[in-house]
């Protein structure tokens, strides 16, 4: 009677380990292939730097808006403006942004039919600013003084039409430390450095390219507008790049467990639609891996040592694979969160289950007071 149960358990654990090994190796390879934003070049007093309009879409960002505006106004660049787009906030986002030194564009109407809030906010700001380049950055970011100089210099030196930066992730709470390194490892496993996507937290694009390509208007209904915009620009033959910008800017995406759950449910809902079968395959380690600990415990209780040993080996493999990501996210103590990787697996499994259920039932996800649908 125990033989078929043992065979099923052993097979499941081996599959989980093989999938994890693929994700670990692929993520590490793709991360190392990513180019890094170059240091600031030697200043040239005679060089005319192009103007940049920095645009920050913001809806109910009361807790973080001052930090991003203060970091942006400290940027050492000769010609730039900072505009915060207050997208019908119900808190004092606009007032805090003004006090911190940004110009504020207040939107009083809901997004037009077929537009997501972020795409609409960015588009409205573009129409009201003038500059050679546009930088779209999120309200939960913080920027180093030389970051814009470096990004513009790189884009112009490499003759790029647009570039995007992957920022350093700030992990403060237990849930952030348990989930985000694992989620980003999975993201990098899917990333193709030869066909770069965009990270919506930092997108720098030539205004002429934005206007000619249609910009966010061309991807107005897409929840993952950053990925969609990169695909759209590549299809039109523009030169784009995704760079490692960990020392140029940072981001703290979620201030609480509730925000993390909602935000990642929204992203999972959209990614499932965009990635299809590939997304499903890469989600398998979480959907199968959540059973690793229960199987290990059952193996101990009923006297199946091979099941317990394989369960322990699977947990150890996941922890070893996460070690480099925990370091990149400056998670401390690293050893503890490497050991607690089943907690991260369980949370991501729960998020995936909720996202799948809400997608099937066409319920959408609540995000900042609006319903987001896949």
Protein backbone atom coordinates (compact mmCIF):
# COMPACT_ATOMS: atom_id res chain seq x y z
CA UNK A 1 0.00 0.00 0.00
CA UNK A 2 2.83 2.40 0.86
CA UNK A 3 4.76 1.71 -2.36
CA UNK A 4 2.57 3.72 -4.77
CA UNK A 5 2.32 6.56 -2.24
CA UNK A 6 6.10 6.55 -1.84
CA UNK A 7 6.58 6.50 -5.63
CA UNK A 8 4.22 9.47 -6.10
CA UNK A 9 5.88 11.45 -3.29
CA UNK A 10 9.41 10.72 -4.54
CA UNK A 11 8.47 11.61 -8.13
CA UNK A 12 6.87 14.88 -7.02
CA UNK A 13 9.90 15.90 -4.97
CA UNK A 14 12.32 15.05 -7.78
CA UNK A 15 10.25 17.12 -10.24
CA UNK A 16 10.25 20.05 -7.81
CA UNK A 17 14.04 19.82 -7.41
CA UNK A 18 14.65 19.67 -11.16
CA UNK A 19 12.38 22.67 -11.78
CA UNK A 20 14.09 24.60 -8.99
CA UNK A 21 17.52 23.76 -10.38
CA UNK A 22 16.45 25.05 -13.81
CA UNK A 23 15.15 28.31 -12.30
CA UNK A 24 18.26 28.79 -10.14
CA UNK A 25 20.70 28.28 -13.03
CA UNK A 26 18.65 30.26 -15.57
CA UNK A 27 18.10 33.20 -13.22
CA UNK A 28 21.78 33.42 -12.30
CA UNK A 29 22.88 33.20 -15.94
CA UNK A 30 20.43 35.87 -17.07
CA UNK A 31 21.35 38.19 -14.21
CA UNK A 32 25.04 37.96 -15.02
CA UNK A 33 24.37 38.63 -18.72
CA UNK A 34 22.65 41.91 -17.90
CA UNK A 35 24.76 45.01 -18.58
CA UNK A 36 25.33 47.44 -15.72
CA UNK A 37 24.71 51.17 -15.96
CA UNK A 38 28.11 52.77 -16.51
CA UNK A 39 29.67 55.25 -14.06
CA UNK A 40 29.32 58.96 -14.75
CA UNK A 41 31.67 59.95 -17.61
CA UNK A 42 34.30 62.65 -17.21
CA UNK A 43 32.40 65.97 -17.30
CA UNK A 44 32.65 67.97 -20.52
CA UNK A 45 32.06 71.67 -19.86
CA UNK A 46 31.19 72.29 -23.52
CA UNK A 47 28.64 69.50 -23.84
CA UNK A 48 24.99 70.44 -24.08
CA UNK A 49 22.95 67.93 -22.16
CA UNK A 50 19.43 67.24 -23.46
CA UNK A 51 16.51 68.31 -21.31
CA UNK A 52 14.57 65.67 -19.36
CA UNK A 53 11.01 65.71 -18.01
CA UNK A 54 10.78 63.40 -15.01
CA UNK A 55 7.21 62.12 -14.59
CA UNK A 56 5.96 60.40 -11.42
CA UNK A 57 2.44 58.89 -11.67
CA UNK A 58 0.98 58.79 -8.16
CA UNK A 59 -2.30 57.63 -6.67
CA UNK A 60 -2.65 57.57 -2.88
CA UNK A 61 1.13 57.66 -2.35
CA UNK A 62 1.00 59.75 0.82
CA UNK A 63 3.53 57.52 2.60
CA UNK A 64 6.28 57.66 -0.01
CA UNK A 65 5.84 60.69 -2.27
CA UNK A 66 8.06 63.04 -0.29
CA UNK A 67 10.99 60.63 -0.40
CA UNK A 68 10.93 60.23 -4.18
CA UNK A 69 10.47 63.96 -4.86
CA UNK A 70 13.28 64.91 -2.46
CA UNK A 71 15.63 62.41 -4.12
CA UNK A 72 14.68 63.67 -7.60
CA UNK A 73 15.14 67.34 -6.74
CA UNK A 74 18.65 66.50 -5.46
CA UNK A 75 19.66 65.08 -8.85
CA UNK A 76 22.79 66.67 -10.32
CA UNK A 77 21.70 67.30 -13.89
CA UNK A 78 21.69 70.62 -15.76
CA UNK A 79 18.23 70.59 -17.38
CA UNK A 80 15.31 68.65 -15.93
CA UNK A 81 11.87 69.11 -14.39
CA UNK A 82 9.92 66.95 -11.97
CA UNK A 83 6.16 66.52 -12.38
CA UNK A 84 4.02 64.41 -10.06
CA UNK A 85 0.72 63.33 -11.62
CA UNK A 86 -1.87 63.17 -8.84
CA UNK A 87 -4.26 60.54 -10.19
CA UNK A 88 -7.43 61.24 -8.16
CA UNK A 89 -5.74 60.58 -4.82
CA UNK A 90 -7.96 60.53 -1.75
CA UNK A 91 -5.05 61.43 0.55
CA UNK A 92 -2.66 64.39 0.62
CA UNK A 93 -0.27 63.06 -2.05
CA UNK A 94 -0.51 66.31 -4.04
CA UNK A 95 0.15 68.61 -1.08
CA UNK A 96 3.16 66.62 0.05
CA UNK A 97 4.59 66.50 -3.48
CA UNK A 98 4.32 70.29 -3.79
CA UNK A 99 5.95 70.84 -0.41
CA UNK A 100 8.83 68.60 -1.45
CA UNK A 101 9.45 70.68 -4.58
CA UNK A 102 7.63 69.01 -7.48
CA UNK A 103 5.19 70.51 -9.94
CA UNK A 104 1.87 68.69 -9.57
CA UNK A 105 -0.57 67.84 -12.33
CA UNK A 106 -3.91 66.95 -10.76
CA UNK A 107 -6.25 64.67 -12.69
CA UNK A 108 -9.89 65.12 -11.70
CA UNK A 109 -11.47 62.64 -14.12
CA UNK A 110 -11.27 58.85 -14.11
CA UNK A 111 -9.16 57.26 -16.87
CA UNK A 112 -10.96 57.09 -20.23
CA UNK A 113 -12.52 53.78 -21.18
CA UNK A 114 -9.84 51.29 -22.22
CA UNK A 115 -7.04 53.07 -20.34
CA UNK A 116 -5.33 51.91 -17.17
CA UNK A 117 -4.76 54.60 -14.57
CA UNK A 118 -0.97 54.59 -14.89
CA UNK A 119 -0.92 54.76 -18.67
CA UNK A 120 -3.39 57.64 -18.63
CA UNK A 121 -1.47 59.54 -15.94
CA UNK A 122 1.81 59.24 -17.85
CA UNK A 123 0.19 60.26 -21.15
CA UNK A 124 -1.47 63.32 -19.60
CA UNK A 125 1.88 64.49 -18.21
CA UNK A 126 3.68 64.01 -21.53
CA UNK A 127 1.16 66.27 -23.23
CA UNK A 128 1.85 69.03 -20.68
CA UNK A 129 5.65 68.94 -20.56
CA UNK A 130 8.42 69.82 -22.99
CA UNK A 131 11.78 68.07 -23.10
CA UNK A 132 14.14 66.03 -25.26
CA UNK A 133 13.79 62.95 -23.06
CA UNK A 134 11.09 61.56 -20.76
CA UNK A 135 11.80 59.65 -17.55
CA UNK A 136 8.90 57.72 -16.04
CA UNK A 137 9.56 56.59 -12.49
CA UNK A 138 7.38 55.25 -9.70
CA UNK A 139 6.44 57.02 -6.49
CA UNK A 140 8.07 54.36 -4.30
CA UNK A 141 11.57 54.86 -5.73
CA UNK A 142 14.58 56.83 -4.48
CA UNK A 143 17.27 58.17 -6.84
CA UNK A 144 20.99 58.80 -6.46
CA UNK A 145 22.19 62.31 -7.43
CA UNK A 146 24.19 61.06 -10.45
CA UNK A 147 21.57 58.58 -11.71
CA UNK A 148 19.95 60.71 -14.43
CA UNK A 149 23.33 61.91 -15.73
CA UNK A 150 24.49 58.33 -16.05
CA UNK A 151 21.29 57.09 -17.69
CA UNK A 152 21.19 59.86 -20.30
CA UNK A 153 24.93 59.49 -21.00
CA UNK A 154 24.56 55.75 -21.52
CA UNK A 155 21.53 56.11 -23.78
CA UNK A 156 23.21 58.73 -25.98
CA UNK A 157 26.58 56.96 -26.10
CA UNK A 158 24.93 53.68 -27.11
CA UNK A 159 22.51 55.44 -29.52
CA UNK A 160 19.51 54.02 -27.68
CA UNK A 161 15.94 55.12 -28.16
CA UNK A 162 14.95 54.03 -24.67
CA UNK A 163 16.40 52.30 -21.65
CA UNK A 164 15.07 50.88 -18.42
CA UNK A 165 16.80 50.15 -15.13
CA UNK A 166 16.32 47.33 -12.68
CA UNK A 167 16.54 49.00 -9.27
CA UNK A 168 17.80 47.80 -5.92
CA UNK A 169 14.92 46.31 -3.96
CA UNK A 170 14.52 47.49 -0.38
CA UNK A 171 13.20 44.72 1.89
CA UNK A 172 12.15 45.83 5.36
CA UNK A 173 9.34 43.60 6.66
CA UNK A 174 9.40 39.84 7.11
CA UNK A 175 7.07 39.28 4.14
CA UNK A 176 9.23 41.39 1.82
CA UNK A 177 12.34 39.45 2.82
CA UNK A 178 10.62 36.08 2.47
CA UNK A 179 8.91 36.74 -0.87
CA UNK A 180 10.69 39.32 -3.05
CA UNK A 181 14.11 37.63 -3.52
CA UNK A 182 12.30 34.43 -4.54
CA UNK A 183 9.89 36.28 -6.83
CA UNK A 184 12.74 38.13 -8.55
CA UNK A 185 14.72 34.94 -8.98
CA UNK A 186 11.71 33.50 -10.79
CA UNK A 187 11.40 36.71 -12.86
CA UNK A 188 15.04 36.51 -13.96
CA UNK A 189 14.58 32.88 -14.96
CA UNK A 190 12.10 34.12 -17.61
CA UNK A 191 14.14 37.17 -18.63
CA UNK A 192 15.85 37.15 -22.01
CA UNK A 193 18.66 39.77 -21.96
CA UNK A 194 18.71 39.64 -25.77
CA UNK A 195 15.04 40.73 -25.95
CA UNK A 196 14.89 43.21 -23.09
CA UNK A 197 11.70 44.03 -21.26
CA UNK A 198 11.16 47.25 -19.34
CA UNK A 199 10.89 47.76 -15.61
CA UNK A 200 8.11 50.31 -15.07
CA UNK A 201 9.90 51.72 -12.04
CA UNK A 202 12.40 53.46 -14.35
CA UNK A 203 11.89 54.04 -18.09
CA UNK A 204 13.88 56.69 -19.99
CA UNK A 205 12.74 57.33 -23.57
CA UNK A 206 13.35 59.94 -26.24
CA UNK A 207 10.31 62.18 -26.58
CA UNK A 208 10.37 61.90 -30.38
CA UNK A 209 10.33 58.11 -30.08
CA UNK A 210 7.53 58.20 -27.52
CA UNK A 211 5.37 60.41 -29.74
CA UNK A 212 6.07 58.55 -32.98
CA UNK A 213 5.50 55.11 -31.46
CA UNK A 214 2.35 56.10 -29.62
CA UNK A 215 3.94 55.65 -26.20
CA UNK A 216 1.66 54.49 -23.42
CA UNK A 217 -1.32 55.22 -25.63
CA UNK A 218 -0.30 52.24 -27.78
CA UNK A 219 -0.50 49.90 -24.75
CA UNK A 220 -3.22 51.79 -22.86
CA UNK A 221 -5.20 48.76 -21.69
CA UNK A 222 -2.29 46.59 -20.55
CA UNK A 223 -1.84 46.10 -16.79
CA UNK A 224 1.85 45.27 -17.32
CA UNK A 225 2.34 48.38 -19.39
CA UNK A 226 6.13 48.31 -19.03
CA UNK A 227 6.50 44.88 -20.62
CA UNK A 228 3.96 45.80 -23.30
CA UNK A 229 5.75 49.07 -24.15
CA UNK A 230 9.08 47.29 -24.57
CA UNK A 231 7.46 44.72 -26.87
CA UNK A 232 5.81 47.51 -28.86
CA UNK A 233 9.06 49.46 -29.32
CA UNK A 234 11.03 46.35 -30.28
CA UNK A 235 8.39 45.44 -32.86
CA UNK A 236 8.81 48.90 -34.41
CA UNK A 237 12.58 48.48 -34.64
CA UNK A 238 13.68 50.89 -31.90
CA UNK A 239 16.90 50.30 -29.96
CA UNK A 240 16.13 49.64 -26.31
CA UNK A 241 18.02 48.21 -23.34
CA UNK A 242 17.40 46.89 -19.83
CA UNK A 243 20.28 47.54 -17.44
CA UNK A 244 21.26 46.70 -13.90
CA UNK A 245 20.86 50.02 -12.09
CA UNK A 246 21.10 48.82 -8.50
CA UNK A 247 23.52 51.59 -7.52
CA UNK A 248 21.54 54.31 -9.34
CA UNK A 249 18.16 54.03 -7.64
CA UNK A 250 16.22 51.86 -5.24
CA UNK A 251 12.59 50.96 -4.67
CA UNK A 252 10.43 49.74 -1.83
CA UNK A 253 7.32 48.44 -3.54
CA UNK A 254 5.22 47.34 -0.59
CA UNK A 255 4.81 49.01 2.80
CA UNK A 256 2.85 46.12 4.36
CA UNK A 257 1.90 42.48 3.90
CA UNK A 258 -1.53 43.54 2.64
CA UNK A 259 0.00 45.78 -0.02
CA UNK A 260 2.42 43.00 -1.05
CA UNK A 261 -0.44 40.51 -1.36
CA UNK A 262 -2.59 42.88 -3.42
CA UNK A 263 0.26 44.11 -5.61
CA UNK A 264 1.64 40.67 -6.41
CA UNK A 265 -1.86 39.30 -7.03
CA UNK A 266 -2.37 42.07 -9.59
CA UNK A 267 0.98 41.32 -11.25
CA UNK A 268 0.36 37.56 -11.25
CA UNK A 269 -3.08 38.07 -12.78
CA UNK A 270 -1.59 40.12 -15.62
CA UNK A 271 1.48 37.89 -16.09
CA UNK A 272 -0.67 34.76 -16.38
CA UNK A 273 -2.46 36.33 -19.34
CA UNK A 274 0.72 37.66 -20.98
CA UNK A 275 2.98 34.62 -20.48
CA UNK A 276 0.44 31.83 -20.99
CA UNK A 277 1.99 28.34 -20.91
CA UNK A 278 5.49 29.60 -20.03
CA UNK A 279 4.10 31.41 -16.98
CA UNK A 280 2.24 28.27 -15.92
CA UNK A 281 5.37 26.11 -16.20
CA UNK A 282 7.45 28.56 -14.19
CA UNK A 283 4.75 28.71 -11.51
CA UNK A 284 4.88 24.92 -11.07
CA UNK A 285 7.71 24.97 -8.49
CA UNK A 286 5.49 27.06 -6.21
CA UNK A 287 2.34 25.01 -6.80
CA UNK A 288 4.21 21.73 -6.31
CA UNK A 289 6.83 22.97 -3.87
CA UNK A 290 4.23 23.99 -1.29
CA UNK A 291 3.79 20.26 -0.58
CA UNK A 292 7.47 19.70 0.22
CA UNK A 293 7.23 20.36 3.97
CA UNK A 294 3.97 18.38 4.46
CA UNK A 295 5.46 15.44 2.54
CA UNK A 296 8.61 15.56 4.68
CA UNK A 297 6.55 15.50 7.87
CA UNK A 298 4.34 12.65 6.61
CA UNK A 299 7.46 10.74 5.61
CA UNK A 300 8.77 10.99 9.18
CA UNK A 301 5.45 9.97 10.71
CA UNK A 302 4.84 6.89 8.57
CA UNK A 303 8.43 5.72 8.30
CA UNK A 304 9.37 6.76 4.75
CA UNK A 305 12.90 8.12 5.23
CA UNK A 306 13.56 8.59 1.51
CA UNK A 307 10.61 10.99 1.29
CA UNK A 308 11.85 12.99 4.28
CA UNK A 309 15.41 13.10 2.94
CA UNK A 310 14.26 14.30 -0.49
CA UNK A 311 12.00 16.93 1.09
CA UNK A 312 14.92 18.22 3.14
CA UNK A 313 17.16 18.20 0.07
CA UNK A 314 14.56 20.18 -1.89
CA UNK A 315 14.34 22.82 0.86
CA UNK A 316 18.15 22.98 1.05
CA UNK A 317 18.47 23.37 -2.74
CA UNK A 318 15.97 26.25 -2.76
CA UNK A 319 17.80 27.95 0.11
CA UNK A 320 21.19 27.60 -1.58
CA UNK A 321 19.77 28.98 -4.81
CA UNK A 322 18.33 31.99 -2.96
CA UNK A 323 21.60 32.86 -1.21
CA UNK A 324 22.87 35.23 -3.91
CA UNK A 325 19.46 36.93 -4.24
CA UNK A 326 19.19 37.48 -0.51
CA UNK A 327 22.59 39.19 -0.69
CA UNK A 328 21.52 41.37 -3.64
CA UNK A 329 18.44 42.47 -1.70
CA UNK A 330 20.55 42.99 1.46
CA UNK A 331 18.32 40.64 3.46
CA UNK A 332 19.58 39.96 6.97
CA UNK A 333 20.05 37.48 8.52
CA UNK A 334 20.60 35.70 5.24
CA UNK A 335 20.87 32.22 6.73
CA UNK A 336 17.48 32.56 8.42
CA UNK A 337 15.58 33.53 5.28
CA UNK A 338 17.42 30.88 3.27
CA UNK A 339 16.12 28.30 5.78
CA UNK A 340 12.64 29.83 5.80
CA UNK A 341 12.23 29.59 2.03
CA UNK A 342 9.13 27.33 2.40
CA UNK A 343 7.34 30.36 3.90
CA UNK A 344 8.04 32.37 0.73
CA UNK A 345 6.89 29.43 -1.40
CA UNK A 346 3.64 29.19 0.60
CA UNK A 347 2.90 32.93 0.27
CA UNK A 348 3.57 32.95 -3.48
CA UNK A 349 1.46 29.79 -3.83
CA UNK A 350 -1.40 31.54 -2.02
CA UNK A 351 -1.06 34.62 -4.21
CA UNK A 352 -1.09 32.45 -7.34
CA UNK A 353 -4.15 30.56 -6.15
CA UNK A 354 -6.08 33.75 -5.40
CA UNK A 355 -5.03 35.33 -8.72
CA UNK A 356 -6.08 32.24 -10.67
CA UNK A 357 -9.43 32.05 -8.89
CA UNK A 358 -10.19 35.72 -9.41
CA UNK A 359 -9.18 35.46 -13.07
CA UNK A 360 -11.46 32.46 -13.69
CA UNK A 361 -14.36 34.19 -11.93
CA UNK A 362 -13.54 37.49 -13.70
CA UNK A 363 -13.46 39.33 -10.38
CA UNK A 364 -10.27 41.33 -10.96
CA UNK A 365 -8.10 42.67 -8.15
CA UNK A 366 -8.51 45.79 -6.04
CA UNK A 367 -5.47 48.09 -6.31
CA UNK A 368 -5.42 51.62 -4.90
CA UNK A 369 -9.19 51.86 -4.95
CA UNK A 370 -9.64 50.62 -8.52
CA UNK A 371 -10.48 47.19 -9.91
CA UNK A 372 -7.72 45.80 -12.11
CA UNK A 373 -8.73 43.08 -14.54
CA UNK A 374 -6.48 40.82 -16.62
